[in-house]
Amino acid sequence: MPRDILLAAALAATAASAAAAGCRSDRVELRGPFGTAAFTVEVADDAAERARGLMFRERLPASAGMLFVYERPQPVAFWMENTLIPLDMIFADAAGRVTKVHENAVPRDRTPIPGEGEVLVVLEINGGLARAIGIAAGAELRHPAIPQETAAWPCAD
């Protein structure tokens, strides 16, 4: 899908999400100097779901992604074996602060892609979309899986 179409779809999703209040388990919101962005997500919150991830998928809608949730903050690394589409990986800490963005992970590559520091969640979206939107380290991610008492951007805001 051409980058301008991906960007347009993501911006449309952002506008639609602005009207919705609070957090939902099937949506991740991000904010930063770029404004806000939102993605409809599948949540992978156990070992089996995290191991499968987005493997074998031939496409991912522009406004969609997968959120990997860990039981506790920890060092994590991903790879792209059996993943057929390029992905951006957005790593965030226990407060939901983005610590690292790995852009355009190469399909089928077995090279480990580590996060930065202690990671609680990782959002995977279409490759190139993070740069097109402006998502970078320091952005804040909002989702109910982030402990609300320490969240940089709590659901109640």
N, C-alpha and C. Protein backbone atom coordinates (compact mmCIF):
# COMPACT_ATOMS: atom_id res chain seq x y z
N MET A 1 0.86 -1.18 0.00
CA MET A 1 0.00 0.00 0.00
C MET A 1 0.90 1.23 0.00
N PRO A 2 0.68 2.20 -0.88
CA PRO A 2 1.52 3.39 -0.93
C PRO A 2 1.50 4.15 0.39
N ARG A 3 2.63 4.78 0.70
CA ARG A 3 2.79 5.48 1.97
C ARG A 3 1.74 6.58 2.17
N ASP A 4 1.38 7.32 1.12
CA ASP A 4 0.41 8.40 1.29
C ASP A 4 -0.97 7.84 1.67
N ILE A 5 -1.30 6.65 1.18
CA ILE A 5 -2.56 6.02 1.56
C ILE A 5 -2.50 5.57 3.01
N LEU A 6 -1.35 5.00 3.42
CA LEU A 6 -1.19 4.61 4.82
C LEU A 6 -1.34 5.81 5.73
N LEU A 7 -0.67 6.90 5.38
CA LEU A 7 -0.73 8.10 6.20
C LEU A 7 -2.15 8.64 6.27
N ALA A 8 -2.84 8.68 5.16
CA ALA A 8 -4.22 9.17 5.15
C ALA A 8 -5.11 8.31 6.03
N ALA A 9 -4.93 7.01 5.97
CA ALA A 9 -5.73 6.11 6.81
C ALA A 9 -5.42 6.32 8.28
N ALA A 10 -4.16 6.50 8.60
CA ALA A 10 -3.79 6.72 10.00
C ALA A 10 -4.33 8.05 10.51
N LEU A 11 -4.28 9.08 9.67
CA LEU A 11 -4.81 10.37 10.08
C LEU A 11 -6.32 10.30 10.26
N ALA A 12 -6.99 9.54 9.42
CA ALA A 12 -8.44 9.37 9.57
C ALA A 12 -8.75 8.64 10.88
N ALA A 13 -7.96 7.64 11.19
CA ALA A 13 -8.16 6.92 12.45
C ALA A 13 -7.91 7.85 13.63
N THR A 14 -6.92 8.72 13.50
CA THR A 14 -6.62 9.68 14.55
C THR A 14 -7.80 10.61 14.78
N ALA A 15 -8.37 11.13 13.72
CA ALA A 15 -9.50 12.04 13.84
C ALA A 15 -10.70 11.33 14.48
N ALA A 16 -10.93 10.09 14.08
CA ALA A 16 -12.05 9.33 14.65
C ALA A 16 -11.83 9.06 16.12
N SER A 17 -10.58 8.78 16.51
CA SER A 17 -10.31 8.46 17.91
C SER A 17 -10.41 9.69 18.80
N ALA A 18 -10.18 10.86 18.24
CA ALA A 18 -10.24 12.07 19.05
C ALA A 18 -11.64 12.27 19.64
N ALA A 19 -12.64 11.77 18.94
CA ALA A 19 -14.01 11.91 19.42
C ALA A 19 -14.33 10.92 20.53
N ALA A 20 -13.56 9.85 20.64
CA ALA A 20 -13.83 8.83 21.65
C ALA A 20 -13.10 9.19 22.94
N ALA A 21 -13.74 8.95 24.08
CA ALA A 21 -13.13 9.27 25.37
C ALA A 21 -12.63 8.02 26.06
N GLY A 22 -11.60 8.19 26.89
CA GLY A 22 -11.10 7.10 27.70
C GLY A 22 -10.36 6.05 26.92
N CYS A 23 -10.03 4.96 27.61
CA CYS A 23 -9.26 3.87 27.02
C CYS A 23 -10.15 2.68 26.72
N ARG A 24 -9.78 1.97 25.67
CA ARG A 24 -10.42 0.70 25.33
C ARG A 24 -9.32 -0.31 25.10
N SER A 25 -9.56 -1.55 25.42
CA SER A 25 -8.53 -2.57 25.27
C SER A 25 -8.19 -2.84 23.80
N ASP A 26 -9.09 -2.49 22.89
CA ASP A 26 -8.82 -2.74 21.47
C ASP A 26 -8.28 -1.51 20.74
N ARG A 27 -7.81 -0.51 21.50
CA ARG A 27 -7.27 0.71 20.88
C ARG A 27 -6.06 1.21 21.66
N VAL A 28 -5.04 1.63 20.91
CA VAL A 28 -3.88 2.29 21.48
C VAL A 28 -3.87 3.71 20.95
N GLU A 29 -3.63 4.65 21.84
CA GLU A 29 -3.48 6.05 21.44
C GLU A 29 -2.06 6.49 21.76
N LEU A 30 -1.51 7.34 20.91
CA LEU A 30 -0.19 7.92 21.14
C LEU A 30 -0.30 9.42 21.01
N ARG A 31 0.53 10.13 21.78
CA ARG A 31 0.60 11.58 21.64
C ARG A 31 2.05 12.02 21.73
N GLY A 32 2.32 13.13 21.07
CA GLY A 32 3.66 13.70 21.06
C GLY A 32 3.64 14.97 20.23
N PRO A 33 4.83 15.45 19.82
CA PRO A 33 4.89 16.67 19.02
C PRO A 33 4.09 16.58 17.72
N PHE A 34 3.83 15.37 17.25
CA PHE A 34 3.06 15.15 16.02
C PHE A 34 1.57 15.33 16.23
N GLY A 35 1.12 15.43 17.48
CA GLY A 35 -0.31 15.48 17.79
C GLY A 35 -0.71 14.15 18.42
N THR A 36 -1.79 13.56 17.93
CA THR A 36 -2.23 12.26 18.43
C THR A 36 -2.44 11.30 17.27
N ALA A 37 -2.32 10.04 17.58
CA ALA A 37 -2.59 8.97 16.62
C ALA A 37 -3.24 7.83 17.38
N ALA A 38 -4.05 7.05 16.69
CA ALA A 38 -4.71 5.91 17.33
C ALA A 38 -4.73 4.74 16.37
N PHE A 39 -4.64 3.55 16.96
CA PHE A 39 -4.66 2.32 16.19
C PHE A 39 -5.60 1.33 16.85
N THR A 40 -6.38 0.64 16.06
CA THR A 40 -7.15 -0.50 16.54
C THR A 40 -6.16 -1.64 16.68
N VAL A 41 -6.17 -2.31 17.83
CA VAL A 41 -5.15 -3.34 18.07
C VAL A 41 -5.75 -4.67 18.50
N GLU A 42 -5.00 -5.70 18.16
CA GLU A 42 -5.16 -7.01 18.78
C GLU A 42 -4.16 -7.03 19.91
N VAL A 43 -4.54 -7.60 21.04
CA VAL A 43 -3.65 -7.64 22.19
C VAL A 43 -3.07 -9.05 22.33
N ALA A 44 -1.75 -9.11 22.43
CA ALA A 44 -1.03 -10.37 22.67
C ALA A 44 -0.47 -10.27 24.09
N ASP A 45 -1.16 -10.90 25.06
CA ASP A 45 -0.76 -10.72 26.44
C ASP A 45 -0.41 -12.02 27.17
N ASP A 46 -0.18 -13.08 26.40
CA ASP A 46 0.37 -14.29 27.01
C ASP A 46 1.48 -14.81 26.09
N ALA A 47 2.26 -15.74 26.60
CA ALA A 47 3.45 -16.20 25.87
C ALA A 47 3.12 -16.75 24.49
N ALA A 48 2.05 -17.51 24.36
CA ALA A 48 1.70 -18.10 23.06
C ALA A 48 1.30 -17.02 22.05
N GLU A 49 0.48 -16.06 22.50
CA GLU A 49 0.07 -14.98 21.59
C GLU A 49 1.26 -14.11 21.19
N ARG A 50 2.14 -13.81 22.16
CA ARG A 50 3.32 -13.01 21.84
C ARG A 50 4.24 -13.74 20.88
N ALA A 51 4.37 -15.06 21.03
CA ALA A 51 5.24 -15.84 20.14
C ALA A 51 4.72 -15.83 18.71
N ARG A 52 3.42 -15.89 18.53
CA ARG A 52 2.84 -15.89 17.18
C ARG A 52 2.81 -14.49 16.57
N GLY A 53 2.43 -13.51 17.35
CA GLY A 53 2.42 -12.13 16.87
C GLY A 53 1.71 -11.97 15.54
N LEU A 54 2.35 -11.28 14.60
CA LEU A 54 1.76 -11.03 13.29
C LEU A 54 2.34 -11.95 12.22
N MET A 55 2.89 -13.08 12.64
CA MET A 55 3.46 -14.02 11.67
C MET A 55 2.40 -14.50 10.68
N PHE A 56 2.84 -14.74 9.46
CA PHE A 56 2.06 -15.32 8.38
C PHE A 56 0.96 -14.41 7.83
N ARG A 57 0.86 -13.18 8.30
CA ARG A 57 -0.13 -12.25 7.78
C ARG A 57 0.41 -11.61 6.50
N GLU A 58 -0.44 -11.50 5.51
CA GLU A 58 -0.02 -10.91 4.24
C GLU A 58 -0.30 -9.42 4.18
N ARG A 59 -1.11 -8.92 5.09
CA ARG A 59 -1.39 -7.48 5.13
C ARG A 59 -1.89 -7.10 6.51
N LEU A 60 -1.79 -5.81 6.78
CA LEU A 60 -2.27 -5.24 8.03
C LEU A 60 -2.94 -3.92 7.68
N PRO A 61 -4.20 -3.73 8.04
CA PRO A 61 -4.84 -2.45 7.74
C PRO A 61 -4.02 -1.29 8.30
N ALA A 62 -4.03 -0.16 7.61
CA ALA A 62 -3.19 0.98 7.97
C ALA A 62 -3.46 1.50 9.38
N SER A 63 -4.68 1.42 9.84
CA SER A 63 -5.00 1.95 11.16
C SER A 63 -5.03 0.85 12.22
N ALA A 64 -4.39 -0.27 11.94
CA ALA A 64 -4.40 -1.41 12.87
C ALA A 64 -2.99 -1.76 13.32
N GLY A 65 -2.92 -2.57 14.36
CA GLY A 65 -1.64 -3.03 14.86
C GLY A 65 -1.84 -4.14 15.86
N MET A 66 -0.73 -4.54 16.48
CA MET A 66 -0.77 -5.53 17.55
C MET A 66 0.00 -4.97 18.73
N LEU A 67 -0.61 -5.08 19.91
CA LEU A 67 0.03 -4.63 21.14
C LEU A 67 0.47 -5.84 21.94
N PHE A 68 1.77 -5.94 22.16
CA PHE A 68 2.35 -7.01 22.97
C PHE A 68 2.47 -6.48 24.39
N VAL A 69 1.87 -7.19 25.34
CA VAL A 69 1.85 -6.76 26.74
C VAL A 69 2.56 -7.82 27.57
N TYR A 70 3.49 -7.36 28.40
CA TYR A 70 4.24 -8.25 29.28
C TYR A 70 3.73 -8.12 30.71
N GLU A 71 3.94 -9.16 31.51
CA GLU A 71 3.47 -9.19 32.89
C GLU A 71 4.18 -8.15 33.75
N ARG A 72 5.43 -7.85 33.39
CA ARG A 72 6.23 -6.88 34.14
C ARG A 72 7.21 -6.24 33.16
N PRO A 73 7.72 -5.06 33.48
CA PRO A 73 8.74 -4.46 32.62
C PRO A 73 9.98 -5.35 32.57
N GLN A 74 10.55 -5.50 31.38
CA GLN A 74 11.70 -6.38 31.20
C GLN A 74 12.40 -6.09 29.87
N PRO A 75 13.65 -6.54 29.73
CA PRO A 75 14.30 -6.43 28.43
C PRO A 75 13.58 -7.38 27.45
N VAL A 76 13.33 -6.91 26.24
CA VAL A 76 12.69 -7.74 25.22
C VAL A 76 13.41 -7.57 23.90
N ALA A 77 13.27 -8.56 23.04
CA ALA A 77 13.79 -8.49 21.67
C ALA A 77 12.83 -9.23 20.77
N PHE A 78 12.65 -8.73 19.58
CA PHE A 78 11.76 -9.31 18.58
C PHE A 78 12.59 -9.73 17.38
N TRP A 79 12.01 -10.57 16.53
CA TRP A 79 12.59 -10.87 15.23
C TRP A 79 11.44 -11.05 14.26
N MET A 80 11.77 -11.19 12.99
CA MET A 80 10.74 -11.18 11.95
C MET A 80 10.57 -12.52 11.25
N GLU A 81 11.11 -13.59 11.82
CA GLU A 81 10.96 -14.90 11.21
C GLU A 81 9.47 -15.19 11.01
N ASN A 82 9.12 -15.64 9.82
CA ASN A 82 7.73 -15.96 9.45
C ASN A 82 6.80 -14.76 9.42
N THR A 83 7.34 -13.56 9.49
CA THR A 83 6.54 -12.35 9.35
C THR A 83 6.71 -11.87 7.92
N LEU A 84 5.63 -11.68 7.23
CA LEU A 84 5.65 -11.44 5.79
C LEU A 84 5.60 -9.98 5.39
N ILE A 85 5.30 -9.08 6.33
CA ILE A 85 5.17 -7.67 6.00
C ILE A 85 6.15 -6.85 6.84
N PRO A 86 6.68 -5.74 6.30
CA PRO A 86 7.56 -4.88 7.11
C PRO A 86 6.76 -4.21 8.23
N LEU A 87 7.37 -4.11 9.39
CA LEU A 87 6.69 -3.54 10.55
C LEU A 87 7.55 -2.50 11.24
N ASP A 88 6.90 -1.53 11.88
CA ASP A 88 7.55 -0.64 12.83
C ASP A 88 7.23 -1.18 14.21
N MET A 89 8.23 -1.20 15.09
CA MET A 89 8.05 -1.66 16.46
C MET A 89 8.25 -0.48 17.39
N ILE A 90 7.25 -0.20 18.20
CA ILE A 90 7.26 0.93 19.12
C ILE A 90 7.32 0.36 20.53
N PHE A 91 8.47 0.50 21.18
CA PHE A 91 8.71 -0.03 22.52
C PHE A 91 8.38 1.04 23.55
N ALA A 92 7.68 0.65 24.62
CA ALA A 92 7.32 1.62 25.67
C ALA A 92 7.55 1.01 27.06
N ASP A 93 7.84 1.88 28.01
CA ASP A 93 8.11 1.46 29.38
C ASP A 93 6.82 1.35 30.19
N ALA A 94 6.96 1.13 31.50
CA ALA A 94 5.80 0.91 32.37
C ALA A 94 4.92 2.15 32.52
N ALA A 95 5.43 3.33 32.18
CA ALA A 95 4.62 4.55 32.21
C ALA A 95 3.96 4.81 30.86
N GLY A 96 4.28 3.98 29.85
CA GLY A 96 3.74 4.19 28.52
C GLY A 96 4.57 5.16 27.69
N ARG A 97 5.75 5.51 28.16
CA ARG A 97 6.64 6.39 27.39
C ARG A 97 7.38 5.57 26.34
N VAL A 98 7.35 6.04 25.12
CA VAL A 98 8.06 5.35 24.04
C VAL A 98 9.56 5.52 24.28
N THR A 99 10.25 4.40 24.33
CA THR A 99 11.69 4.42 24.58
C THR A 99 12.49 4.18 23.30
N LYS A 100 11.86 3.54 22.31
CA LYS A 100 12.55 3.25 21.07
C LYS A 100 11.53 2.96 19.98
N VAL A 101 11.86 3.37 18.76
CA VAL A 101 11.07 3.00 17.58
C VAL A 101 12.04 2.33 16.61
N HIS A 102 11.75 1.10 16.25
CA HIS A 102 12.52 0.41 15.21
C HIS A 102 11.67 0.44 13.96
N GLU A 103 12.20 1.09 12.92
CA GLU A 103 11.43 1.28 11.70
C GLU A 103 11.71 0.20 10.66
N ASN A 104 10.68 -0.19 9.95
CA ASN A 104 10.77 -1.07 8.80
C ASN A 104 11.56 -2.35 9.05
N ALA A 105 11.16 -3.09 10.07
CA ALA A 105 11.79 -4.39 10.31
C ALA A 105 11.60 -5.25 9.06
N VAL A 106 12.66 -5.92 8.68
CA VAL A 106 12.70 -6.67 7.42
C VAL A 106 11.96 -8.00 7.55
N PRO A 107 10.98 -8.26 6.67
CA PRO A 107 10.26 -9.54 6.71
C PRO A 107 11.22 -10.73 6.64
N ARG A 108 10.90 -11.74 7.43
CA ARG A 108 11.60 -13.02 7.48
C ARG A 108 13.03 -12.96 8.05
N ASP A 109 13.45 -11.82 8.55
CA ASP A 109 14.79 -11.67 9.11
C ASP A 109 14.83 -12.21 10.54
N ARG A 110 15.87 -12.95 10.87
CA ARG A 110 16.00 -13.54 12.21
C ARG A 110 16.88 -12.71 13.13
N THR A 111 17.33 -11.54 12.66
CA THR A 111 18.17 -10.68 13.49
C THR A 111 17.35 -10.14 14.66
N PRO A 112 17.84 -10.31 15.90
CA PRO A 112 17.09 -9.78 17.06
C PRO A 112 16.99 -8.25 17.01
N ILE A 113 15.82 -7.75 17.38
CA ILE A 113 15.56 -6.32 17.46
C ILE A 113 15.22 -6.02 18.93
N PRO A 114 16.22 -5.53 19.69
CA PRO A 114 15.97 -5.30 21.11
C PRO A 114 15.25 -3.99 21.37
N GLY A 115 14.51 -3.97 22.47
CA GLY A 115 13.92 -2.73 22.94
C GLY A 115 14.97 -1.92 23.68
N GLU A 116 14.55 -0.83 24.26
CA GLU A 116 15.44 0.05 25.02
C GLU A 116 15.02 -0.01 26.48
N GLY A 117 15.90 -0.50 27.35
CA GLY A 117 15.60 -0.56 28.77
C GLY A 117 14.54 -1.58 29.11
N GLU A 118 13.78 -1.28 30.16
CA GLU A 118 12.72 -2.15 30.64
C GLU A 118 11.44 -1.84 29.88
N VAL A 119 10.93 -2.83 29.15
CA VAL A 119 9.79 -2.65 28.26
C VAL A 119 8.56 -3.34 28.86
N LEU A 120 7.43 -2.65 28.84
CA LEU A 120 6.17 -3.27 29.27
C LEU A 120 5.29 -3.61 28.08
N VAL A 121 5.28 -2.76 27.06
CA VAL A 121 4.45 -2.99 25.88
C VAL A 121 5.22 -2.66 24.61
N VAL A 122 4.83 -3.35 23.53
CA VAL A 122 5.39 -3.08 22.20
C VAL A 122 4.22 -3.02 21.24
N LEU A 123 4.16 -1.94 20.48
CA LEU A 123 3.13 -1.77 19.46
C LEU A 123 3.76 -2.01 18.10
N GLU A 124 3.21 -2.95 17.34
CA GLU A 124 3.64 -3.17 15.96
C GLU A 124 2.60 -2.60 15.02
N ILE A 125 3.10 -1.79 14.06
CA ILE A 125 2.25 -1.19 13.03
C ILE A 125 2.95 -1.35 11.68
N ASN A 126 2.29 -0.98 10.62
CA ASN A 126 2.88 -1.09 9.28
C ASN A 126 4.20 -0.34 9.19
N GLY A 127 5.16 -0.95 8.51
CA GLY A 127 6.47 -0.36 8.33
C GLY A 127 6.40 1.00 7.64
N GLY A 128 7.12 1.97 8.18
CA GLY A 128 7.17 3.31 7.62
C GLY A 128 6.14 4.26 8.19
N LEU A 129 5.15 3.72 8.89
CA LEU A 129 4.06 4.56 9.39
C LEU A 129 4.50 5.43 10.57
N ALA A 130 5.36 4.89 11.45
CA ALA A 130 5.82 5.68 12.60
C ALA A 130 6.52 6.95 12.12
N ARG A 131 7.40 6.82 11.14
CA ARG A 131 8.11 8.00 10.61
C ARG A 131 7.13 8.95 9.92
N ALA A 132 6.20 8.41 9.14
CA ALA A 132 5.24 9.25 8.42
C ALA A 132 4.39 10.08 9.39
N ILE A 133 4.05 9.51 10.53
CA ILE A 133 3.24 10.22 11.53
C ILE A 133 4.12 11.11 12.40
N GLY A 134 5.35 10.66 12.68
CA GLY A 134 6.26 11.39 13.56
C GLY A 134 6.42 10.76 14.92
N ILE A 135 6.03 9.51 15.07
CA ILE A 135 6.15 8.81 16.36
C ILE A 135 7.62 8.52 16.62
N ALA A 136 8.11 8.95 17.79
CA ALA A 136 9.52 8.77 18.15
C ALA A 136 9.64 8.59 19.66
N ALA A 137 10.84 8.26 20.11
CA ALA A 137 11.10 8.14 21.55
C ALA A 137 10.64 9.42 22.24
N GLY A 138 10.01 9.25 23.38
CA GLY A 138 9.47 10.37 24.14
C GLY A 138 7.97 10.52 23.99
N ALA A 139 7.39 9.97 22.93
CA ALA A 139 5.93 10.00 22.77
C ALA A 139 5.31 9.21 23.92
N GLU A 140 4.05 9.43 24.16
CA GLU A 140 3.33 8.72 25.22
C GLU A 140 2.24 7.85 24.62
N LEU A 141 2.15 6.64 25.15
CA LEU A 141 1.20 5.64 24.68
C LEU A 141 0.15 5.45 25.77
N ARG A 142 -1.12 5.38 25.37
CA ARG A 142 -2.21 5.19 26.33
C ARG A 142 -2.97 3.92 25.99
N HIS A 143 -3.13 3.07 27.03
CA HIS A 143 -3.87 1.81 26.92
C HIS A 143 -4.15 1.31 28.33
N PRO A 144 -5.24 0.57 28.56
CA PRO A 144 -5.53 0.06 29.90
C PRO A 144 -4.46 -0.87 30.48
N ALA A 145 -3.60 -1.45 29.64
CA ALA A 145 -2.53 -2.33 30.15
C ALA A 145 -1.42 -1.56 30.86
N ILE A 146 -1.36 -0.25 30.66
CA ILE A 146 -0.38 0.58 31.35
C ILE A 146 -0.91 0.83 32.76
N PRO A 147 -0.11 0.57 33.81
CA PRO A 147 -0.60 0.84 35.17
C PRO A 147 -1.03 2.30 35.31
N GLN A 148 -2.29 2.51 35.58
CA GLN A 148 -2.86 3.86 35.56
C GLN A 148 -2.30 4.78 36.65
N GLU A 149 -1.88 4.23 37.77
CA GLU A 149 -1.36 5.06 38.85
C GLU A 149 0.00 5.67 38.50
N THR A 150 0.70 5.11 37.52
CA THR A 150 2.02 5.66 37.14
C THR A 150 2.07 6.04 35.65
N ALA A 151 0.95 5.98 34.96
CA ALA A 151 0.93 6.25 33.53
C ALA A 151 1.26 7.71 33.23
N ALA A 152 2.10 7.93 32.23
CA ALA A 152 2.40 9.28 31.75
C ALA A 152 1.16 9.93 31.15
N TRP A 153 0.29 9.12 30.55
CA TRP A 153 -0.96 9.59 29.95
C TRP A 153 -2.07 8.64 30.39
N PRO A 154 -2.64 8.87 31.58
CA PRO A 154 -3.65 7.93 32.09
C PRO A 154 -4.94 7.96 31.28
N CYS A 155 -5.69 6.90 31.41
CA CYS A 155 -6.96 6.77 30.70
C CYS A 155 -7.97 7.84 31.11
N ALA A 156 -7.88 8.34 32.30
CA ALA A 156 -8.85 9.32 32.80
C ALA A 156 -8.70 10.69 32.15
N ASP A 157 -7.56 10.97 31.53
CA ASP A 157 -7.36 12.30 30.91
C ASP A 157 -8.19 12.47 29.66
